[in-house]
Amino acid sequence: MRAFALLLAFSLSLWPEAAMARPARVVSLNLCTDELLLALANDDQIASVTYLAKQRSETPYWRRAQSYRKNDGSLLSIAALKPDLVLTMGGGVRDRASIARRLGIPILDLPYPLSLSNVEESVARLSAVLGHQARGRALIGQLQQLRRTAPSAATDTIWLGGGGRTVPPTGLAAEWMRLAGLRQRAFRGDRVTLEQLLVSPPQVLLRSDYREGEYSGEQRWMAHPLARRTRAGRTLATDGRRWTCMGPSLIPEILRLRRESTQ
């Protein structure tokens, strides 16, 4: 796969250690790198994941994560494990890198993805570092297949989360939705009001079930009759945990939503 080869070359140029030795004790300090690590690494390569990875309410990988030590997201919480690679994501790496150098721990900071191409790049880079390029190619292949077979038409949709949170009409979430044949509607501040749901309901209301049933202000908003009984053409539930990181765990969810939105 030519695209993967280019991504792999890019990853090795940024992480030369990947060409030297496969890391044997890898630690993740971020939920999103937890998910990538659990998807790509061998069982015996994983030394620790964050406490969030073990929570059923936070990630679909929670069952597999039970086998590993938990950490609180700090370098100090994993120093005693003597990892040969630490994964993190999305900034703050300068201070962590300084501490990691003092502790003699290599650290890899992946950027938060802003597009589907970014997701592919992170998968390619990490799979190369871990020594599992075939697994990376398989995940990237699944995503590229979704992109090739995306529905030609898209249905007016509102992605709805707790407290009226939604997502912008451009960017990574909207790209994933488009692969399911759903077109996210634009809202100021990425918030939907109950009045907007009443006056101008969408053809599809894509309702996140993240922390559903939890007692909180955001969930009380979701329980309001207008949020529950909007006159949307259809209401589809979606696994809100998969939208937190918007990585490869969304692939099976998009396939399911694609099927349900066309029934």
C-alpha atoms as a PDB file:
ATOM      1  CA  MET A   1       0.000   0.000   0.000  1.00  0.00           C
ATOM      2  CA  ARG A   2       1.758   3.127  -1.260  1.00  0.00           C
ATOM      3  CA  ALA A   3       0.076   5.500   1.215  1.00  0.00           C
ATOM      4  CA  PHE A   4       1.112   3.329   4.133  1.00  0.00           C
ATOM      5  CA  ALA A   5       4.696   3.131   2.872  1.00  0.00           C
ATOM      6  CA  LEU A   6       4.909   6.917   2.769  1.00  0.00           C
ATOM      7  CA  LEU A   7       3.476   7.182   6.263  1.00  0.00           C
ATOM      8  CA  LEU A   8       5.868   4.542   7.525  1.00  0.00           C
ATOM      9  CA  ALA A   9       8.863   6.362   6.086  1.00  0.00           C
ATOM     10  CA  PHE A  10       7.640   9.559   7.730  1.00  0.00           C
ATOM     11  CA  SER A  11       7.212   7.818  11.096  1.00  0.00           C
ATOM     12  CA  LEU A  12      10.704   6.323  11.009  1.00  0.00           C
ATOM     13  CA  SER A  13      12.238   9.689  10.190  1.00  0.00           C
ATOM     14  CA  LEU A  14      10.629  11.165  13.292  1.00  0.00           C
ATOM     15  CA  TRP A  15      11.233   8.146  15.530  1.00  0.00           C
ATOM     16  CA  PRO A  16      14.537   6.526  14.486  1.00  0.00           C
ATOM     17  CA  GLU A  17      14.440   4.153  17.470  1.00  0.00           C
ATOM     18  CA  ALA A  18      11.614   2.321  15.659  1.00  0.00           C
ATOM     19  CA  ALA A  19      14.161   0.929  13.229  1.00  0.00           C
ATOM     20  CA  MET A  20      16.415  -0.288  16.048  1.00  0.00           C
ATOM     21  CA  ALA A  21      14.465  -2.322  18.551  1.00  0.00           C
ATOM     22  CA  ARG A  22      10.875  -3.219  19.325  1.00  0.00           C
ATOM     23  CA  PRO A  23       9.948  -1.751  22.747  1.00  0.00           C
ATOM     24  CA  ALA A  24       9.146  -4.416  25.331  1.00  0.00           C
ATOM     25  CA  ARG A  25       7.616  -2.312  28.141  1.00  0.00           C
ATOM     26  CA  VAL A  26       5.318   0.401  26.819  1.00  0.00           C
ATOM     27  CA  VAL A  27       3.307   2.756  29.011  1.00  0.00           C
ATOM     28  CA  SER A  28       0.468   5.057  27.930  1.00  0.00           C
ATOM     29  CA  LEU A  29      -0.372   8.255  29.827  1.00  0.00           C
ATOM     30  CA  ASN A  30      -3.441   9.301  27.824  1.00  0.00           C
ATOM     31  CA  LEU A  31      -6.776   7.617  27.127  1.00  0.00           C
ATOM     32  CA  CYS A  32      -6.386   8.091  23.375  1.00  0.00           C
ATOM     33  CA  THR A  33      -2.914   6.531  23.329  1.00  0.00           C
ATOM     34  CA  ASP A  34      -4.316   3.789  25.582  1.00  0.00           C
ATOM     35  CA  GLU A  35      -6.748   2.899  22.813  1.00  0.00           C
ATOM     36  CA  LEU A  36      -4.099   2.941  20.092  1.00  0.00           C
ATOM     37  CA  LEU A  37      -1.727   0.866  22.203  1.00  0.00           C
ATOM     38  CA  LEU A  38      -4.408  -1.702  23.024  1.00  0.00           C
ATOM     39  CA  ALA A  39      -5.307  -1.950  19.331  1.00  0.00           C
ATOM     40  CA  LEU A  40      -1.745  -2.356  18.032  1.00  0.00           C
ATOM     41  CA  ALA A  41       0.569  -3.846  20.673  1.00  0.00           C
ATOM     42  CA  ASN A  42       1.240  -7.409  21.773  1.00  0.00           C
ATOM     43  CA  ASP A  43      -0.131  -8.250  25.211  1.00  0.00           C
ATOM     44  CA  ASP A  44       3.352  -8.608  26.677  1.00  0.00           C
ATOM     45  CA  GLN A  45       4.455  -5.201  25.347  1.00  0.00           C
ATOM     46  CA  ILE A  46       1.959  -3.249  27.457  1.00  0.00           C
ATOM     47  CA  ALA A  47       3.263  -2.313  30.908  1.00  0.00           C
ATOM     48  CA  SER A  48       0.598   0.200  31.970  1.00  0.00           C
ATOM     49  CA  VAL A  49      -2.437   2.170  30.767  1.00  0.00           C
ATOM     50  CA  THR A  50      -4.340   4.988  32.423  1.00  0.00           C
ATOM     51  CA  TYR A  51      -7.058   4.340  34.992  1.00  0.00           C
ATOM     52  CA  LEU A  52      -9.583   5.644  32.441  1.00  0.00           C
ATOM     53  CA  ALA A  53      -8.833   2.725  30.126  1.00  0.00           C
ATOM     54  CA  LYS A  54     -10.156   0.356  32.782  1.00  0.00           C
ATOM     55  CA  GLN A  55     -13.523   2.121  33.079  1.00  0.00           C
ATOM     56  CA  ARG A  56     -16.416   0.704  31.109  1.00  0.00           C
ATOM     57  CA  SER A  57     -17.966   4.166  30.838  1.00  0.00           C
ATOM     58  CA  GLU A  58     -14.911   5.614  29.074  1.00  0.00           C
ATOM     59  CA  THR A  59     -13.719   3.215  26.397  1.00  0.00           C
ATOM     60  CA  PRO A  60     -14.820   0.116  24.487  1.00  0.00           C
ATOM     61  CA  TYR A  61     -11.376  -1.370  25.209  1.00  0.00           C
ATOM     62  CA  TRP A  62     -12.015  -1.540  28.957  1.00  0.00           C
ATOM     63  CA  ARG A  63     -12.141  -5.346  29.150  1.00  0.00           C
ATOM     64  CA  ARG A  64      -8.717  -5.810  27.594  1.00  0.00           C
ATOM     65  CA  ALA A  65      -7.280  -3.029  29.760  1.00  0.00           C
ATOM     66  CA  GLN A  66      -8.059  -4.965  32.964  1.00  0.00           C
ATOM     67  CA  SER A  67      -4.948  -7.094  32.419  1.00  0.00           C
ATOM     68  CA  TYR A  68      -2.537  -4.186  32.871  1.00  0.00           C
ATOM     69  CA  ARG A  69      -1.329  -1.915  35.652  1.00  0.00           C
ATOM     70  CA  LYS A  70      -3.070   1.430  35.826  1.00  0.00           C
ATOM     71  CA  ASN A  71      -1.471   4.864  36.118  1.00  0.00           C
ATOM     72  CA  ASP A  72      -2.754   8.364  36.828  1.00  0.00           C
ATOM     73  CA  GLY A  73      -1.373   9.940  33.666  1.00  0.00           C
ATOM     74  CA  SER A  74       1.857  11.182  35.218  1.00  0.00           C
ATOM     75  CA  LEU A  75       5.430  10.080  34.597  1.00  0.00           C
ATOM     76  CA  LEU A  76       6.018   9.717  38.324  1.00  0.00           C
ATOM     77  CA  SER A  77       3.284   7.094  38.556  1.00  0.00           C
ATOM     78  CA  ILE A  78       5.077   4.805  36.097  1.00  0.00           C
ATOM     79  CA  ALA A  79       8.781   5.500  36.717  1.00  0.00           C
ATOM     80  CA  ALA A  80       9.161   2.386  38.883  1.00  0.00           C
ATOM     81  CA  LEU A  81       7.966   0.208  35.991  1.00  0.00           C
ATOM     82  CA  LYS A  82      11.118   1.125  34.035  1.00  0.00           C
ATOM     83  CA  PRO A  83       9.346   1.451  30.661  1.00  0.00           C
ATOM     84  CA  ASP A  84      11.344   1.598  27.463  1.00  0.00           C
ATOM     85  CA  LEU A  85       8.685   3.768  25.787  1.00  0.00           C
ATOM     86  CA  VAL A  86       6.081   6.207  27.108  1.00  0.00           C
ATOM     87  CA  LEU A  87       3.148   7.314  24.936  1.00  0.00           C
ATOM     88  CA  THR A  88       1.235  10.540  25.365  1.00  0.00           C
ATOM     89  CA  MET A  89      -0.834  12.821  23.164  1.00  0.00           C
ATOM     90  CA  GLY A  90      -1.619  16.426  22.529  1.00  0.00           C
ATOM     91  CA  GLY A  91       0.939  18.704  24.101  1.00  0.00           C
ATOM     92  CA  GLY A  92       2.545  19.305  27.462  1.00  0.00           C
ATOM     93  CA  VAL A  93       5.318  17.115  26.145  1.00  0.00           C
ATOM     94  CA  ARG A  94       8.128  19.637  26.720  1.00  0.00           C
ATOM     95  CA  ASP A  95       7.947  19.349  30.510  1.00  0.00           C
ATOM     96  CA  ARG A  96       7.312  15.620  30.332  1.00  0.00           C
ATOM     97  CA  ALA A  97      10.168  15.142  27.896  1.00  0.00           C
ATOM     98  CA  SER A  98      12.519  16.973  30.246  1.00  0.00           C
ATOM     99  CA  ILE A  99      11.516  14.741  33.152  1.00  0.00           C
ATOM    100  CA  ALA A 100      11.657  11.658  30.925  1.00  0.00           C
ATOM    101  CA  ARG A 101      15.222  12.487  29.859  1.00  0.00           C
ATOM    102  CA  ARG A 102      16.269  12.725  33.491  1.00  0.00           C
ATOM    103  CA  LEU A 103      14.688   9.346  34.126  1.00  0.00           C
ATOM    104  CA  GLY A 104      16.174   7.860  30.965  1.00  0.00           C
ATOM    105  CA  ILE A 105      12.748   7.077  29.458  1.00  0.00           C
ATOM    106  CA  PRO A 106      12.028   7.557  25.711  1.00  0.00           C
ATOM    107  CA  ILE A 107       8.746   9.412  25.144  1.00  0.00           C
ATOM    108  CA  LEU A 108       6.569   9.600  22.024  1.00  0.00           C
ATOM    109  CA  ASP A 109       3.970  12.372  21.874  1.00  0.00           C
ATOM    110  CA  LEU A 110       1.339  11.865  19.179  1.00  0.00           C
ATOM    111  CA  PRO A 111      -0.745  14.872  18.029  1.00  0.00           C
ATOM    112  CA  TYR A 112      -4.480  14.929  18.569  1.00  0.00           C
ATOM    113  CA  PRO A 113      -5.992  14.048  15.179  1.00  0.00           C
ATOM    114  CA  LEU A 114      -7.782  16.815  13.295  1.00  0.00           C
ATOM    115  CA  SER A 115      -8.684  14.718  10.255  1.00  0.00           C
ATOM    116  CA  LEU A 116      -9.027  11.120   9.114  1.00  0.00           C
ATOM    117  CA  SER A 117      -5.620  11.453   7.481  1.00  0.00           C
ATOM    118  CA  ASN A 118      -4.185  12.334  10.904  1.00  0.00           C
ATOM    119  CA  VAL A 119      -5.734   9.171  12.330  1.00  0.00           C
ATOM    120  CA  GLU A 120      -4.016   7.126   9.623  1.00  0.00           C
ATOM    121  CA  GLU A 121      -0.702   8.881  10.296  1.00  0.00           C
ATOM    122  CA  SER A 122      -0.815   8.106  14.034  1.00  0.00           C
ATOM    123  CA  VAL A 123      -1.703   4.461  13.392  1.00  0.00           C
ATOM    124  CA  ALA A 124       1.148   4.137  10.885  1.00  0.00           C
ATOM    125  CA  ARG A 125       3.631   5.844  13.159  1.00  0.00           C
ATOM    126  CA  LEU A 126       2.794   3.894  16.301  1.00  0.00           C
ATOM    127  CA  SER A 127       2.526   0.534  14.538  1.00  0.00           C
ATOM    128  CA  ALA A 128       6.025   1.112  13.125  1.00  0.00           C
ATOM    129  CA  VAL A 129       7.418   2.044  16.533  1.00  0.00           C
ATOM    130  CA  LEU A 130       5.843  -1.040  18.116  1.00  0.00           C
ATOM    131  CA  GLY A 131       7.048  -3.313  15.330  1.00  0.00           C
ATOM    132  CA  HIS A 132       3.567  -4.258  14.139  1.00  0.00           C
ATOM    133  CA  GLN A 133       3.286  -2.630  10.738  1.00  0.00           C
ATOM    134  CA  ALA A 134       0.884  -5.328   9.499  1.00  0.00           C
ATOM    135  CA  ARG A 135      -1.636  -4.402  12.183  1.00  0.00           C
ATOM    136  CA  GLY A 136      -1.287  -0.764  11.225  1.00  0.00           C
ATOM    137  CA  ARG A 137      -1.825  -1.576   7.562  1.00  0.00           C
ATOM    138  CA  ALA A 138      -4.944  -3.586   8.456  1.00  0.00           C
ATOM    139  CA  LEU A 139      -6.517  -0.711  10.432  1.00  0.00           C
ATOM    140  CA  ILE A 140      -5.615   1.841   7.779  1.00  0.00           C
ATOM    141  CA  GLY A 141      -7.013  -0.472   5.120  1.00  0.00           C
ATOM    142  CA  GLN A 142     -10.337  -0.680   6.968  1.00  0.00           C
ATOM    143  CA  LEU A 143     -10.523   3.097   7.217  1.00  0.00           C
ATOM    144  CA  GLN A 144      -9.625   3.574   3.569  1.00  0.00           C
ATOM    145  CA  GLN A 145     -12.295   1.049   2.590  1.00  0.00           C
ATOM    146  CA  LEU A 146     -14.843   3.122   4.525  1.00  0.00           C
ATOM    147  CA  ARG A 147     -13.696   6.206   2.663  1.00  0.00           C
ATOM    148  CA  ARG A 148     -13.937   4.515  -0.735  1.00  0.00           C
ATOM    149  CA  THR A 149     -17.455   3.234  -0.061  1.00  0.00           C
ATOM    150  CA  ALA A 150     -18.897   6.319   1.655  1.00  0.00           C
ATOM    151  CA  PRO A 151     -22.513   7.029   0.602  1.00  0.00           C
ATOM    152  CA  SER A 152     -22.756   9.565  -2.208  1.00  0.00           C
ATOM    153  CA  ALA A 153     -25.567  11.459  -0.454  1.00  0.00           C
ATOM    154  CA  ALA A 154     -25.529  12.737   3.120  1.00  0.00           C
ATOM    155  CA  THR A 155     -28.507  13.221   5.446  1.00  0.00           C
ATOM    156  CA  ASP A 156     -29.064  16.350   7.551  1.00  0.00           C
ATOM    157  CA  THR A 157     -27.957  15.345  11.060  1.00  0.00           C
ATOM    158  CA  ILE A 158     -27.386  16.748  14.532  1.00  0.00           C
ATOM    159  CA  TRP A 159     -24.867  14.945  16.727  1.00  0.00           C
ATOM    160  CA  LEU A 160     -26.227  15.453  20.244  1.00  0.00           C
ATOM    161  CA  GLY A 161     -24.346  15.014  23.500  1.00  0.00           C
ATOM    162  CA  GLY A 162     -24.991  15.943  27.121  1.00  0.00           C
ATOM    163  CA  GLY A 163     -25.953  19.541  27.813  1.00  0.00           C
ATOM    164  CA  GLY A 164     -26.702  20.150  24.138  1.00  0.00           C
ATOM    165  CA  ARG A 165     -23.112  19.671  23.041  1.00  0.00           C
ATOM    166  CA  THR A 166     -22.641  18.975  19.361  1.00  0.00           C
ATOM    167  CA  VAL A 167     -19.749  18.917  16.900  1.00  0.00           C
ATOM    168  CA  PRO A 168     -18.669  21.367  14.182  1.00  0.00           C
ATOM    169  CA  PRO A 169     -19.749  20.777  10.566  1.00  0.00           C
ATOM    170  CA  THR A 170     -16.114  20.449   9.502  1.00  0.00           C
ATOM    171  CA  GLY A 171     -13.278  18.539  11.110  1.00  0.00           C
ATOM    172  CA  LEU A 172     -12.709  15.005  12.287  1.00  0.00           C
ATOM    173  CA  ALA A 173     -16.126  14.233  13.826  1.00  0.00           C
ATOM    174  CA  ALA A 174     -17.896  15.509  10.717  1.00  0.00           C
ATOM    175  CA  GLU A 175     -15.584  13.414   8.515  1.00  0.00           C
ATOM    176  CA  TRP A 176     -16.451  10.262  10.462  1.00  0.00           C
ATOM    177  CA  MET A 177     -20.160  11.101  10.218  1.00  0.00           C
ATOM    178  CA  ARG A 178     -19.878  11.632   6.483  1.00  0.00           C
ATOM    179  CA  LEU A 179     -18.564   8.067   6.142  1.00  0.00           C
ATOM    180  CA  ALA A 180     -21.908   6.935   7.579  1.00  0.00           C
ATOM    181  CA  GLY A 181     -23.872   9.125   5.158  1.00  0.00           C
ATOM    182  CA  LEU A 182     -24.607  11.804   7.781  1.00  0.00           C
ATOM    183  CA  ARG A 183     -24.054  15.565   7.347  1.00  0.00           C
ATOM    184  CA  GLN A 184     -23.560  17.538  10.566  1.00  0.00           C
ATOM    185  CA  ARG A 185     -25.545  20.765  10.823  1.00  0.00           C
ATOM    186  CA  ALA A 186     -23.736  23.948  11.930  1.00  0.00           C
ATOM    187  CA  PHE A 187     -24.474  25.620  15.290  1.00  0.00           C
ATOM    188  CA  ARG A 188     -22.936  28.647  16.941  1.00  0.00           C
ATOM    189  CA  GLY A 189     -20.556  27.557  19.654  1.00  0.00           C
ATOM    190  CA  ASP A 190     -21.246  23.904  18.796  1.00  0.00           C
ATOM    191  CA  ARG A 191     -24.276  23.914  21.104  1.00  0.00           C
ATOM    192  CA  VAL A 192     -27.882  22.972  20.364  1.00  0.00           C
ATOM    193  CA  THR A 193     -30.763  24.503  22.303  1.00  0.00           C
ATOM    194  CA  LEU A 194     -33.971  22.685  23.161  1.00  0.00           C
ATOM    195  CA  GLU A 195     -35.820  25.338  21.168  1.00  0.00           C
ATOM    196  CA  GLN A 196     -33.764  24.579  18.064  1.00  0.00           C
ATOM    197  CA  LEU A 197     -34.592  20.885  18.401  1.00  0.00           C
ATOM    198  CA  LEU A 198     -38.281  21.754  18.648  1.00  0.00           C
ATOM    199  CA  VAL A 199     -38.473  24.338  15.841  1.00  0.00           C
ATOM    200  CA  SER A 200     -36.040  22.810  13.347  1.00  0.00           C
ATOM    201  CA  PRO A 201     -35.509  19.107  13.991  1.00  0.00           C
ATOM    202  CA  PRO A 202     -33.011  17.257  11.798  1.00  0.00           C
ATOM    203  CA  GLN A 203     -33.677  14.331   9.540  1.00  0.00           C
ATOM    204  CA  VAL A 204     -31.417  12.278  11.827  1.00  0.00           C
ATOM    205  CA  LEU A 205     -30.702  12.947  15.493  1.00  0.00           C
ATOM    206  CA  LEU A 206     -27.457  11.141  16.340  1.00  0.00           C
ATOM    207  CA  ARG A 207     -27.723  10.837  20.102  1.00  0.00           C
ATOM    208  CA  SER A 208     -24.604  10.027  22.131  1.00  0.00           C
ATOM    209  CA  ASP A 209     -25.141   7.596  24.997  1.00  0.00           C
ATOM    210  CA  TYR A 210     -21.939   8.701  26.793  1.00  0.00           C
ATOM    211  CA  ARG A 211     -22.484   8.339  30.570  1.00  0.00           C
ATOM    212  CA  GLU A 212     -26.194   7.804  29.962  1.00  0.00           C
ATOM    213  CA  GLY A 213     -28.089   7.423  33.235  1.00  0.00           C
ATOM    214  CA  GLU A 214     -25.466   9.309  35.232  1.00  0.00           C
ATOM    215  CA  TYR A 215     -26.795  12.005  37.576  1.00  0.00           C
ATOM    216  CA  SER A 216     -25.380  15.265  36.238  1.00  0.00           C
ATOM    217  CA  GLY A 217     -26.508  18.550  34.733  1.00  0.00           C
ATOM    218  CA  GLU A 218     -25.589  17.407  31.244  1.00  0.00           C
ATOM    219  CA  GLN A 219     -27.561  14.194  31.568  1.00  0.00           C
ATOM    220  CA  ARG A 220     -30.590  15.987  33.056  1.00  0.00           C
ATOM    221  CA  TRP A 221     -30.563  18.132  29.896  1.00  0.00           C
ATOM    222  CA  MET A 222     -30.595  14.971  27.777  1.00  0.00           C
ATOM    223  CA  ALA A 223     -33.560  13.658  29.800  1.00  0.00           C
ATOM    224  CA  HIS A 224     -35.697  16.746  29.050  1.00  0.00           C
ATOM    225  CA  PRO A 225     -38.856  15.814  27.094  1.00  0.00           C
ATOM    226  CA  LEU A 226     -37.847  18.023  24.149  1.00  0.00           C
ATOM    227  CA  ALA A 227     -34.475  16.288  23.933  1.00  0.00           C
ATOM    228  CA  ARG A 228     -36.155  12.908  24.249  1.00  0.00           C
ATOM    229  CA  ARG A 229     -39.056  13.540  21.892  1.00  0.00           C
ATOM    230  CA  THR A 230     -37.663  15.762  19.204  1.00  0.00           C
ATOM    231  CA  ARG A 231     -39.544  15.409  15.908  1.00  0.00           C
ATOM    232  CA  ALA A 232     -36.430  14.250  14.086  1.00  0.00           C
ATOM    233  CA  GLY A 233     -37.076  11.953  11.172  1.00  0.00           C
ATOM    234  CA  ARG A 234     -35.023   9.312  12.955  1.00  0.00           C
ATOM    235  CA  THR A 235     -33.110   9.060  16.207  1.00  0.00           C
ATOM    236  CA  LEU A 236     -29.998   6.882  16.207  1.00  0.00           C
ATOM    237  CA  ALA A 237     -28.061   6.074  19.357  1.00  0.00           C
ATOM    238  CA  THR A 238     -24.276   6.105  19.124  1.00  0.00           C
ATOM    239  CA  ASP A 239     -21.593   4.828  21.484  1.00  0.00           C
ATOM    240  CA  GLY A 240     -20.317   8.109  22.895  1.00  0.00           C
ATOM    241  CA  ARG A 241     -17.119   6.527  24.220  1.00  0.00           C
ATOM    242  CA  ARG A 242     -15.863   6.034  20.679  1.00  0.00           C
ATOM    243  CA  TRP A 243     -16.247   9.756  19.910  1.00  0.00           C
ATOM    244  CA  THR A 244     -13.928  10.878  22.725  1.00  0.00           C
ATOM    245  CA  CYS A 245     -10.719  10.077  20.828  1.00  0.00           C
ATOM    246  CA  MET A 246     -12.301   9.546  17.390  1.00  0.00           C
ATOM    247  CA  GLY A 247      -9.669   6.965  16.498  1.00  0.00           C
ATOM    248  CA  PRO A 248      -9.921   3.497  14.924  1.00  0.00           C
ATOM    249  CA  SER A 249     -12.465   2.327  17.513  1.00  0.00           C
ATOM    250  CA  LEU A 250     -15.043   4.296  15.482  1.00  0.00           C
ATOM    251  CA  ILE A 251     -14.688   2.013  12.448  1.00  0.00           C
ATOM    252  CA  PRO A 252     -17.265  -0.618  13.573  1.00  0.00           C
ATOM    253  CA  GLU A 253     -19.562   2.129  14.877  1.00  0.00           C
ATOM    254  CA  ILE A 254     -19.572   3.910  11.526  1.00  0.00           C
ATOM    255  CA  LEU A 255     -20.375   0.648   9.749  1.00  0.00           C
ATOM    256  CA  ARG A 256     -23.311   0.096  12.121  1.00  0.00           C
ATOM    257  CA  LEU A 257     -24.596   3.657  11.706  1.00  0.00           C
ATOM    258  CA  ARG A 258     -24.276   3.367   7.936  1.00  0.00           C
ATOM    259  CA  ARG A 259     -26.497   0.283   7.967  1.00  0.00           C
ATOM    260  CA  GLU A 260     -29.059   1.756  10.371  1.00  0.00           C
ATOM    261  CA  SER A 261     -29.298   5.131   8.638  1.00  0.00           C
ATOM    262  CA  THR A 262     -30.256   3.474   5.353  1.00  0.00           C
ATOM    263  CA  GLN A 263     -32.832   1.011   6.732  1.00  0.00           C
END
